[in-house]
Amino acid sequence: MSDLGPVNPGFAGDAAWLRHWRLRPDGDPRTTASSRLIPVRTSDGEPAMLKLAHLDEEERGAELLVALDGHGAARVLAHSGEALLLERATGTRDLVRMVAEGRDDEATRTICAAAGQIHAASALVLDRDDPPELVDLPTWFRELFAAADGLGTLHRRGADVAGGLLDDPRDPVVLHGDLHHGNVLDFGARGWLAIDPKGLVGEAGFDYANLLCNPSPERALRPGRLERQFGVVVEASGIERARLARWLVAWCALSSTWFAIDDDPRRASSTAAIGERALALVDE
């Protein structure tokens, strides 16, 4: 018999991985669109998170986390196939709550710092003997380029802006690809670290656009909020103001396109509205 003892029926489908790595459930599992997340304790009693992916694209993010080796992101304790065992965020701070408490600038700077750590580790990742397979930005934007003419004015403008950026690239770095207030967590003594990367490679400015649309479209569209947080990102990241503005427009057009493809008109519209407001930053 396994030293884990009887398996709670709620974890029956996960029993193989729990036994494989001698893990004990340490909280309620949670299922998302892309994975199943199970808080666990290792055989040494350390808190960890077992992530079982439902989508093949999750493997790319897992490979990037392995290669980052804890630089700016959660450290991987074990990885095999669809299963990923990560150090667990046990800190009590939360960026969404920080924003709600009026500390929006601090939350934005925190995400920028995590992005900077990941970008700074690019050589560590790309110079490995077995570097992860990362997606370049022209590939990432292909759905915008294909769909823009059938969507709104913002999408066509965004596609043109994205094309201009991609035709005149800056030095490529490893990109998280989905940085926002829910993907940078408090890891206690290790500080704020990112989780759930998409695994991209390209210009650093791309990675700062999504956080300006978060933690919610409603928050992002509050009067003056986008403009203020845009300034915070420029200061914290060192990205050229005009170029970051173009990345923001391009990102909003791409994200809105994905929502439209997924038949989510409300979110497609709200994200496009952020992009429309960002056009004023481009035209400054």
C-alpha atoms as a PDB file:
ATOM      1  CA  MET A   1       0.000   0.000   0.000  1.00  0.00           C
ATOM      2  CA  SER A   2       1.157   3.556  -0.746  1.00  0.00           C
ATOM      3  CA  ASP A   3       2.442   5.502   2.236  1.00  0.00           C
ATOM      4  CA  LEU A   4      -0.232   8.044   1.340  1.00  0.00           C
ATOM      5  CA  GLY A   5      -2.910   5.750   2.716  1.00  0.00           C
ATOM      6  CA  PRO A   6      -6.464   5.763   1.373  1.00  0.00           C
ATOM      7  CA  VAL A   7      -7.111   8.428  -1.260  1.00  0.00           C
ATOM      8  CA  ASN A   8      -9.965  10.848  -0.645  1.00  0.00           C
ATOM      9  CA  PRO A   9     -12.587  10.267  -3.389  1.00  0.00           C
ATOM     10  CA  GLY A  10     -12.297  13.923  -4.349  1.00  0.00           C
ATOM     11  CA  PHE A  11      -8.720  13.260  -5.472  1.00  0.00           C
ATOM     12  CA  ALA A  12      -9.256   9.839  -7.059  1.00  0.00           C
ATOM     13  CA  GLY A  13      -8.454  11.082 -10.565  1.00  0.00           C
ATOM     14  CA  ASP A  14      -5.209  12.598  -9.319  1.00  0.00           C
ATOM     15  CA  ALA A  15      -4.068   9.631  -7.260  1.00  0.00           C
ATOM     16  CA  ALA A  16      -1.429   8.480  -9.736  1.00  0.00           C
ATOM     17  CA  TRP A  17       0.445  11.780  -9.565  1.00  0.00           C
ATOM     18  CA  LEU A  18       0.004  12.136  -5.832  1.00  0.00           C
ATOM     19  CA  ARG A  19       1.563   8.717  -5.345  1.00  0.00           C
ATOM     20  CA  HIS A  20       4.230   9.253  -7.999  1.00  0.00           C
ATOM     21  CA  TRP A  21       5.664  12.238  -6.147  1.00  0.00           C
ATOM     22  CA  ARG A  22       4.583  11.138  -2.641  1.00  0.00           C
ATOM     23  CA  LEU A  23       2.333  14.151  -2.155  1.00  0.00           C
ATOM     24  CA  ARG A  24      -0.446  14.769   0.333  1.00  0.00           C
ATOM     25  CA  PRO A  25      -3.432  16.979  -0.526  1.00  0.00           C
ATOM     26  CA  ASP A  26      -3.314  20.172   1.515  1.00  0.00           C
ATOM     27  CA  GLY A  27      -6.436  22.037   0.435  1.00  0.00           C
ATOM     28  CA  ASP A  28      -9.317  21.968  -1.994  1.00  0.00           C
ATOM     29  CA  PRO A  29      -8.485  21.359  -5.666  1.00  0.00           C
ATOM     30  CA  ARG A  30      -9.501  23.957  -8.236  1.00  0.00           C
ATOM     31  CA  THR A  31     -10.245  23.397 -11.911  1.00  0.00           C
ATOM     32  CA  THR A  32      -9.690  26.101 -14.535  1.00  0.00           C
ATOM     33  CA  ALA A  33     -10.140  26.113 -18.300  1.00  0.00           C
ATOM     34  CA  SER A  34      -6.563  24.966 -18.749  1.00  0.00           C
ATOM     35  CA  SER A  35      -5.640  22.869 -15.719  1.00  0.00           C
ATOM     36  CA  ARG A  36      -6.434  21.315 -12.356  1.00  0.00           C
ATOM     37  CA  LEU A  37      -4.644  22.835  -9.365  1.00  0.00           C
ATOM     38  CA  ILE A  38      -4.135  20.879  -6.153  1.00  0.00           C
ATOM     39  CA  PRO A  39      -2.465  22.344  -3.048  1.00  0.00           C
ATOM     40  CA  VAL A  40      -0.194  19.634  -1.641  1.00  0.00           C
ATOM     41  CA  ARG A  41       2.572  18.910   0.832  1.00  0.00           C
ATOM     42  CA  THR A  42       5.710  17.130  -0.283  1.00  0.00           C
ATOM     43  CA  SER A  43       7.135  14.139   1.560  1.00  0.00           C
ATOM     44  CA  ASP A  44       9.295  16.660   3.444  1.00  0.00           C
ATOM     45  CA  GLY A  45       6.225  18.649   4.472  1.00  0.00           C
ATOM     46  CA  GLU A  46       6.924  21.588   2.170  1.00  0.00           C
ATOM     47  CA  PRO A  47       3.899  23.381   0.636  1.00  0.00           C
ATOM     48  CA  ALA A  48       3.629  22.944  -3.124  1.00  0.00           C
ATOM     49  CA  MET A  49       1.100  23.170  -5.941  1.00  0.00           C
ATOM     50  CA  LEU A  50       0.393  20.264  -8.283  1.00  0.00           C
ATOM     51  CA  LYS A  51      -0.777  21.485 -11.676  1.00  0.00           C
ATOM     52  CA  LEU A  52      -2.280  18.987 -14.129  1.00  0.00           C
ATOM     53  CA  ALA A  53      -2.676  20.550 -17.561  1.00  0.00           C
ATOM     54  CA  HIS A  54      -5.699  20.039 -19.787  1.00  0.00           C
ATOM     55  CA  LEU A  55      -4.244  21.814 -22.825  1.00  0.00           C
ATOM     56  CA  ASP A  56      -1.127  21.003 -24.830  1.00  0.00           C
ATOM     57  CA  GLU A  57      -0.093  24.685 -24.879  1.00  0.00           C
ATOM     58  CA  GLU A  58       0.415  24.531 -21.112  1.00  0.00           C
ATOM     59  CA  GLU A  59       3.498  22.412 -21.760  1.00  0.00           C
ATOM     60  CA  ARG A  60       5.282  25.381 -23.322  1.00  0.00           C
ATOM     61  CA  GLY A  61       4.747  27.461 -20.200  1.00  0.00           C
ATOM     62  CA  ALA A  62       5.921  24.584 -18.022  1.00  0.00           C
ATOM     63  CA  GLU A  63       9.129  24.262 -20.031  1.00  0.00           C
ATOM     64  CA  LEU A  64       9.788  27.983 -19.613  1.00  0.00           C
ATOM     65  CA  LEU A  65       9.302  27.733 -15.849  1.00  0.00           C
ATOM     66  CA  VAL A  66      11.810  24.885 -15.739  1.00  0.00           C
ATOM     67  CA  ALA A  67      14.328  26.937 -17.714  1.00  0.00           C
ATOM     68  CA  LEU A  68      13.816  30.074 -15.594  1.00  0.00           C
ATOM     69  CA  ASP A  69      14.801  28.060 -12.521  1.00  0.00           C
ATOM     70  CA  GLY A  70      12.998  30.392 -10.138  1.00  0.00           C
ATOM     71  CA  HIS A  71      14.203  33.689 -11.649  1.00  0.00           C
ATOM     72  CA  GLY A  72      11.162  35.956 -11.461  1.00  0.00           C
ATOM     73  CA  ALA A  73       8.786  33.002 -11.461  1.00  0.00           C
ATOM     74  CA  ALA A  74       7.677  30.089  -9.322  1.00  0.00           C
ATOM     75  CA  ARG A  75      10.330  27.386  -9.005  1.00  0.00           C
ATOM     76  CA  VAL A  76       9.595  23.972 -10.505  1.00  0.00           C
ATOM     77  CA  LEU A  77      10.077  21.080  -8.083  1.00  0.00           C
ATOM     78  CA  ALA A  78       9.213  18.334 -10.580  1.00  0.00           C
ATOM     79  CA  HIS A  79       7.846  18.067 -14.101  1.00  0.00           C
ATOM     80  CA  SER A  80       6.618  15.122 -16.141  1.00  0.00           C
ATOM     81  CA  GLY A  81       4.206  15.203 -19.058  1.00  0.00           C
ATOM     82  CA  GLU A  82       1.070  17.137 -18.148  1.00  0.00           C
ATOM     83  CA  ALA A  83       2.040  17.288 -14.465  1.00  0.00           C
ATOM     84  CA  LEU A  84       3.945  20.175 -12.921  1.00  0.00           C
ATOM     85  CA  LEU A  85       4.895  20.452  -9.251  1.00  0.00           C
ATOM     86  CA  LEU A  86       5.617  24.035  -8.183  1.00  0.00           C
ATOM     87  CA  GLU A  87       6.616  25.824  -5.036  1.00  0.00           C
ATOM     88  CA  ARG A  88       3.438  27.283  -3.549  1.00  0.00           C
ATOM     89  CA  ALA A  89       2.725  30.952  -2.942  1.00  0.00           C
ATOM     90  CA  THR A  90       2.137  31.097   0.810  1.00  0.00           C
ATOM     91  CA  GLY A  91       2.327  34.862   1.340  1.00  0.00           C
ATOM     92  CA  THR A  92      -0.749  36.816   2.370  1.00  0.00           C
ATOM     93  CA  ARG A  93      -0.417  39.802   0.044  1.00  0.00           C
ATOM     94  CA  ASP A  94      -2.583  40.031  -3.077  1.00  0.00           C
ATOM     95  CA  LEU A  95      -2.280  42.463  -5.994  1.00  0.00           C
ATOM     96  CA  VAL A  96      -6.009  42.634  -6.753  1.00  0.00           C
ATOM     97  CA  ARG A  97      -6.682  43.519  -3.127  1.00  0.00           C
ATOM     98  CA  MET A  98      -3.811  46.007  -3.229  1.00  0.00           C
ATOM     99  CA  VAL A  99      -5.529  47.838  -6.091  1.00  0.00           C
ATOM    100  CA  ALA A 100      -8.860  47.806  -4.239  1.00  0.00           C
ATOM    101  CA  GLU A 101      -7.103  49.402  -1.257  1.00  0.00           C
ATOM    102  CA  GLY A 102      -5.936  52.320  -3.387  1.00  0.00           C
ATOM    103  CA  ARG A 103      -2.380  51.104  -3.966  1.00  0.00           C
ATOM    104  CA  ASP A 104      -2.682  50.814  -7.737  1.00  0.00           C
ATOM    105  CA  ASP A 105       0.746  52.308  -8.447  1.00  0.00           C
ATOM    106  CA  GLU A 106       2.429  49.841  -6.092  1.00  0.00           C
ATOM    107  CA  ALA A 107       0.697  46.884  -7.726  1.00  0.00           C
ATOM    108  CA  THR A 108       1.754  48.048 -11.182  1.00  0.00           C
ATOM    109  CA  ARG A 109       5.374  48.478 -10.098  1.00  0.00           C
ATOM    110  CA  THR A 110       5.316  45.006  -8.558  1.00  0.00           C
ATOM    111  CA  ILE A 111       4.222  43.418 -11.836  1.00  0.00           C
ATOM    112  CA  CYS A 112       6.813  45.440 -13.744  1.00  0.00           C
ATOM    113  CA  ALA A 113       9.518  44.176 -11.398  1.00  0.00           C
ATOM    114  CA  ALA A 114       8.484  40.565 -12.003  1.00  0.00           C
ATOM    115  CA  ALA A 115       8.552  41.164 -15.750  1.00  0.00           C
ATOM    116  CA  GLY A 116      12.011  42.672 -15.498  1.00  0.00           C
ATOM    117  CA  GLN A 117      13.346  39.657 -13.621  1.00  0.00           C
ATOM    118  CA  ILE A 118      12.050  37.295 -16.288  1.00  0.00           C
ATOM    119  CA  HIS A 119      13.462  39.397 -19.119  1.00  0.00           C
ATOM    120  CA  ALA A 120      16.824  39.612 -17.343  1.00  0.00           C
ATOM    121  CA  ALA A 121      16.975  35.809 -17.253  1.00  0.00           C
ATOM    122  CA  SER A 122      16.712  35.521 -21.050  1.00  0.00           C
ATOM    123  CA  ALA A 123      20.295  34.387 -21.542  1.00  0.00           C
ATOM    124  CA  LEU A 124      19.847  31.732 -18.855  1.00  0.00           C
ATOM    125  CA  VAL A 125      16.857  30.377 -20.786  1.00  0.00           C
ATOM    126  CA  LEU A 126      17.957  30.789 -24.402  1.00  0.00           C
ATOM    127  CA  ASP A 127      21.562  29.621 -23.963  1.00  0.00           C
ATOM    128  CA  ARG A 128      20.595  26.264 -22.463  1.00  0.00           C
ATOM    129  CA  ASP A 129      21.606  23.096 -24.281  1.00  0.00           C
ATOM    130  CA  ASP A 130      17.894  22.273 -24.407  1.00  0.00           C
ATOM    131  CA  PRO A 131      16.092  25.642 -24.572  1.00  0.00           C
ATOM    132  CA  PRO A 132      12.297  25.609 -24.357  1.00  0.00           C
ATOM    133  CA  GLU A 133      10.265  26.012 -27.523  1.00  0.00           C
ATOM    134  CA  LEU A 134       8.935  29.570 -27.365  1.00  0.00           C
ATOM    135  CA  VAL A 135       6.442  31.266 -29.692  1.00  0.00           C
ATOM    136  CA  ASP A 136       7.568  34.440 -31.474  1.00  0.00           C
ATOM    137  CA  LEU A 137       5.349  37.513 -31.576  1.00  0.00           C
ATOM    138  CA  PRO A 138       4.548  37.412 -35.324  1.00  0.00           C
ATOM    139  CA  THR A 139       3.034  33.982 -34.727  1.00  0.00           C
ATOM    140  CA  TRP A 140       1.233  35.178 -31.582  1.00  0.00           C
ATOM    141  CA  PHE A 141      -0.446  37.997 -33.530  1.00  0.00           C
ATOM    142  CA  ARG A 142      -1.526  35.912 -36.517  1.00  0.00           C
ATOM    143  CA  GLU A 143      -5.199  35.751 -35.499  1.00  0.00           C
ATOM    144  CA  LEU A 144      -5.389  39.543 -35.322  1.00  0.00           C
ATOM    145  CA  PHE A 145      -3.881  39.877 -38.784  1.00  0.00           C
ATOM    146  CA  ALA A 146      -6.316  37.296 -40.173  1.00  0.00           C
ATOM    147  CA  ALA A 147      -9.463  38.716 -38.567  1.00  0.00           C
ATOM    148  CA  ALA A 148      -8.886  42.481 -38.357  1.00  0.00           C
ATOM    149  CA  ASP A 149     -10.723  43.456 -41.549  1.00  0.00           C
ATOM    150  CA  GLY A 150     -13.884  41.698 -40.370  1.00  0.00           C
ATOM    151  CA  LEU A 151     -13.929  43.345 -36.951  1.00  0.00           C
ATOM    152  CA  GLY A 152     -13.867  46.993 -35.833  1.00  0.00           C
ATOM    153  CA  THR A 153     -11.791  50.041 -36.639  1.00  0.00           C
ATOM    154  CA  LEU A 154      -9.657  49.466 -33.549  1.00  0.00           C
ATOM    155  CA  HIS A 155      -8.733  45.990 -34.770  1.00  0.00           C
ATOM    156  CA  ARG A 156      -7.634  47.263 -38.182  1.00  0.00           C
ATOM    157  CA  ARG A 157      -5.623  50.056 -36.586  1.00  0.00           C
ATOM    158  CA  GLY A 158      -4.194  47.624 -34.052  1.00  0.00           C
ATOM    159  CA  ALA A 159      -3.131  45.215 -36.786  1.00  0.00           C
ATOM    160  CA  ASP A 160      -1.354  48.028 -38.614  1.00  0.00           C
ATOM    161  CA  VAL A 161       0.374  49.141 -35.415  1.00  0.00           C
ATOM    162  CA  ALA A 162       1.399  45.568 -34.581  1.00  0.00           C
ATOM    163  CA  GLY A 163       2.750  45.074 -38.085  1.00  0.00           C
ATOM    164  CA  GLY A 164       4.880  48.192 -37.759  1.00  0.00           C
ATOM    165  CA  LEU A 165       6.281  47.069 -34.417  1.00  0.00           C
ATOM    166  CA  LEU A 166       7.067  43.575 -35.665  1.00  0.00           C
ATOM    167  CA  ASP A 167       8.722  44.915 -38.824  1.00  0.00           C
ATOM    168  CA  ASP A 168      11.070  47.028 -36.668  1.00  0.00           C
ATOM    169  CA  PRO A 169      11.850  44.744 -33.710  1.00  0.00           C
ATOM    170  CA  ARG A 170      13.963  45.564 -30.693  1.00  0.00           C
ATOM    171  CA  ASP A 171      16.265  43.019 -29.050  1.00  0.00           C
ATOM    172  CA  PRO A 172      14.242  39.889 -28.202  1.00  0.00           C
ATOM    173  CA  VAL A 173      13.871  38.612 -24.660  1.00  0.00           C
ATOM    174  CA  VAL A 174      11.987  35.788 -23.024  1.00  0.00           C
ATOM    175  CA  LEU A 175       8.402  36.921 -22.426  1.00  0.00           C
ATOM    176  CA  HIS A 176       5.865  35.761 -19.864  1.00  0.00           C
ATOM    177  CA  GLY A 177       3.042  36.602 -22.253  1.00  0.00           C
ATOM    178  CA  ASP A 178       0.176  36.982 -19.754  1.00  0.00           C
ATOM    179  CA  LEU A 179       1.252  39.241 -16.906  1.00  0.00           C
ATOM    180  CA  HIS A 180      -1.597  40.604 -14.804  1.00  0.00           C
ATOM    181  CA  HIS A 181      -2.622  41.013 -11.180  1.00  0.00           C
ATOM    182  CA  GLY A 182      -3.654  37.367 -10.786  1.00  0.00           C
ATOM    183  CA  ASN A 183      -0.465  35.913 -12.256  1.00  0.00           C
ATOM    184  CA  VAL A 184       2.048  37.559  -9.910  1.00  0.00           C
ATOM    185  CA  LEU A 185       1.765  36.100  -6.413  1.00  0.00           C
ATOM    186  CA  ASP A 186       3.286  36.586  -2.983  1.00  0.00           C
ATOM    187  CA  PHE A 187       5.816  33.807  -2.322  1.00  0.00           C
ATOM    188  CA  GLY A 188       6.752  35.022   1.140  1.00  0.00           C
ATOM    189  CA  ALA A 189      10.510  35.244   1.631  1.00  0.00           C
ATOM    190  CA  ARG A 190      11.043  34.812  -2.128  1.00  0.00           C
ATOM    191  CA  GLY A 191       8.955  37.897  -2.853  1.00  0.00           C
ATOM    192  CA  TRP A 192       6.575  38.473  -5.747  1.00  0.00           C
ATOM    193  CA  LEU A 193       6.896  35.889  -8.520  1.00  0.00           C
ATOM    194  CA  ALA A 194       5.019  35.098 -11.714  1.00  0.00           C
ATOM    195  CA  ILE A 195       3.043  31.963 -12.517  1.00  0.00           C
ATOM    196  CA  ASP A 196       1.364  30.602 -15.652  1.00  0.00           C
ATOM    197  CA  PRO A 197       3.612  31.992 -18.416  1.00  0.00           C
ATOM    198  CA  LYS A 198       2.601  31.523 -22.039  1.00  0.00           C
ATOM    199  CA  GLY A 199       6.202  31.070 -23.155  1.00  0.00           C
ATOM    200  CA  LEU A 200       6.894  33.704 -25.819  1.00  0.00           C
ATOM    201  CA  VAL A 201       9.940  35.465 -27.193  1.00  0.00           C
ATOM    202  CA  GLY A 202      10.091  38.999 -28.542  1.00  0.00           C
ATOM    203  CA  GLU A 203      10.350  42.650 -27.605  1.00  0.00           C
ATOM    204  CA  ALA A 204      10.135  43.416 -23.889  1.00  0.00           C
ATOM    205  CA  GLY A 205       7.501  46.131 -24.325  1.00  0.00           C
ATOM    206  CA  PHE A 206       4.869  43.566 -25.258  1.00  0.00           C
ATOM    207  CA  ASP A 207       4.914  42.082 -21.762  1.00  0.00           C
ATOM    208  CA  TYR A 208       3.765  45.303 -20.073  1.00  0.00           C
ATOM    209  CA  ALA A 209       0.605  45.924 -22.118  1.00  0.00           C
ATOM    210  CA  ASN A 210      -1.744  43.376 -20.575  1.00  0.00           C
ATOM    211  CA  LEU A 211      -1.313  44.616 -17.008  1.00  0.00           C
ATOM    212  CA  LEU A 212      -2.746  47.980 -18.100  1.00  0.00           C
ATOM    213  CA  CYS A 213      -6.013  46.221 -18.992  1.00  0.00           C
ATOM    214  CA  ASN A 214      -6.245  44.675 -15.531  1.00  0.00           C
ATOM    215  CA  PRO A 215      -7.302  43.770 -12.888  1.00  0.00           C
ATOM    216  CA  SER A 216     -10.594  44.348 -14.741  1.00  0.00           C
ATOM    217  CA  PRO A 217     -11.767  46.309 -17.794  1.00  0.00           C
ATOM    218  CA  GLU A 218     -14.000  48.376 -15.526  1.00  0.00           C
ATOM    219  CA  ARG A 219     -11.010  49.401 -13.428  1.00  0.00           C
ATOM    220  CA  ALA A 220      -8.868  50.040 -16.511  1.00  0.00           C
ATOM    221  CA  LEU A 221     -11.521  52.339 -18.004  1.00  0.00           C
ATOM    222  CA  ARG A 222     -11.947  54.545 -14.937  1.00  0.00           C
ATOM    223  CA  PRO A 223     -11.264  58.188 -15.842  1.00  0.00           C
ATOM    224  CA  GLY A 224      -7.535  58.896 -15.797  1.00  0.00           C
ATOM    225  CA  ARG A 225      -6.572  55.417 -14.609  1.00  0.00           C
ATOM    226  CA  LEU A 226      -5.080  54.131 -17.876  1.00  0.00           C
ATOM    227  CA  GLU A 227      -3.044  57.275 -18.377  1.00  0.00           C
ATOM    228  CA  ARG A 228      -1.675  57.236 -14.831  1.00  0.00           C
ATOM    229  CA  GLN A 229      -0.742  53.553 -14.826  1.00  0.00           C
ATOM    230  CA  PHE A 230       0.774  53.926 -18.289  1.00  0.00           C
ATOM    231  CA  GLY A 231       3.100  56.542 -16.805  1.00  0.00           C
ATOM    232  CA  VAL A 232       3.950  54.233 -13.905  1.00  0.00           C
ATOM    233  CA  VAL A 233       4.870  51.453 -16.344  1.00  0.00           C
ATOM    234  CA  VAL A 234       7.034  53.778 -18.443  1.00  0.00           C
ATOM    235  CA  GLU A 235       8.928  54.866 -15.332  1.00  0.00           C
ATOM    236  CA  ALA A 236       9.269  51.362 -13.865  1.00  0.00           C
ATOM    237  CA  SER A 237      10.175  49.544 -17.073  1.00  0.00           C
ATOM    238  CA  GLY A 238      12.277  52.086 -18.926  1.00  0.00           C
ATOM    239  CA  ILE A 239      10.354  51.306 -22.116  1.00  0.00           C
ATOM    240  CA  GLU A 240      10.124  54.179 -24.598  1.00  0.00           C
ATOM    241  CA  ARG A 241       6.770  55.909 -24.050  1.00  0.00           C
ATOM    242  CA  ALA A 242       5.700  56.032 -27.703  1.00  0.00           C
ATOM    243  CA  ARG A 243       6.627  52.417 -28.307  1.00  0.00           C
ATOM    244  CA  LEU A 244       4.815  51.160 -25.203  1.00  0.00           C
ATOM    245  CA  ALA A 245       1.696  53.034 -26.329  1.00  0.00           C
ATOM    246  CA  ARG A 246       1.792  51.187 -29.648  1.00  0.00           C
ATOM    247  CA  TRP A 247       2.228  47.842 -27.906  1.00  0.00           C
ATOM    248  CA  LEU A 248      -0.811  48.635 -25.773  1.00  0.00           C
ATOM    249  CA  VAL A 249      -2.959  49.353 -28.834  1.00  0.00           C
ATOM    250  CA  ALA A 250      -1.691  46.214 -30.566  1.00  0.00           C
ATOM    251  CA  TRP A 251      -2.342  44.078 -27.482  1.00  0.00           C
ATOM    252  CA  CYS A 252      -5.876  45.402 -26.981  1.00  0.00           C
ATOM    253  CA  ALA A 253      -6.688  44.660 -30.616  1.00  0.00           C
ATOM    254  CA  LEU A 254      -5.302  41.126 -30.310  1.00  0.00           C
ATOM    255  CA  SER A 255      -7.020  40.393 -27.003  1.00  0.00           C
ATOM    256  CA  SER A 256     -10.332  41.773 -28.271  1.00  0.00           C
ATOM    257  CA  THR A 257      -9.988  39.571 -31.351  1.00  0.00           C
ATOM    258  CA  TRP A 258      -9.571  36.480 -29.201  1.00  0.00           C
ATOM    259  CA  PHE A 259     -12.694  37.363 -27.210  1.00  0.00           C
ATOM    260  CA  ALA A 260     -14.611  37.877 -30.456  1.00  0.00           C
ATOM    261  CA  ILE A 261     -13.456  34.497 -31.761  1.00  0.00           C
ATOM    262  CA  ASP A 262     -14.540  32.939 -28.446  1.00  0.00           C
ATOM    263  CA  ASP A 263     -18.001  34.535 -28.860  1.00  0.00           C
ATOM    264  CA  ASP A 264     -17.606  36.832 -25.852  1.00  0.00           C
ATOM    265  CA  PRO A 265     -18.844  40.165 -27.243  1.00  0.00           C
ATOM    266  CA  ARG A 266     -18.915  41.943 -23.883  1.00  0.00           C
ATOM    267  CA  ARG A 267     -15.232  41.372 -23.176  1.00  0.00           C
ATOM    268  CA  ALA A 268     -14.320  41.961 -26.817  1.00  0.00           C
ATOM    269  CA  SER A 269     -16.013  45.359 -26.600  1.00  0.00           C
ATOM    270  CA  SER A 270     -14.518  46.379 -23.245  1.00  0.00           C
ATOM    271  CA  THR A 271     -11.002  45.436 -24.336  1.00  0.00           C
ATOM    272  CA  ALA A 272     -11.445  47.338 -27.595  1.00  0.00           C
ATOM    273  CA  ALA A 273     -12.575  50.349 -25.551  1.00  0.00           C
ATOM    274  CA  ILE A 274      -9.276  50.274 -23.652  1.00  0.00           C
ATOM    275  CA  GLY A 275      -7.487  50.162 -26.996  1.00  0.00           C
ATOM    276  CA  GLU A 276      -9.472  53.148 -28.265  1.00  0.00           C
ATOM    277  CA  ARG A 277      -8.386  55.135 -25.222  1.00  0.00           C
ATOM    278  CA  ALA A 278      -4.796  53.987 -25.731  1.00  0.00           C
ATOM    279  CA  LEU A 279      -4.818  55.497 -29.233  1.00  0.00           C
ATOM    280  CA  ALA A 280      -4.676  58.918 -27.597  1.00  0.00           C
ATOM    281  CA  LEU A 281      -1.372  57.883 -26.013  1.00  0.00           C
ATOM    282  CA  VAL A 282      -0.017  56.912 -29.439  1.00  0.00           C
ATOM    283  CA  ASP A 283      -1.048  60.257 -30.908  1.00  0.00           C
ATOM    284  CA  GLU A 284       0.505  62.367 -28.117  1.00  0.00           C
END
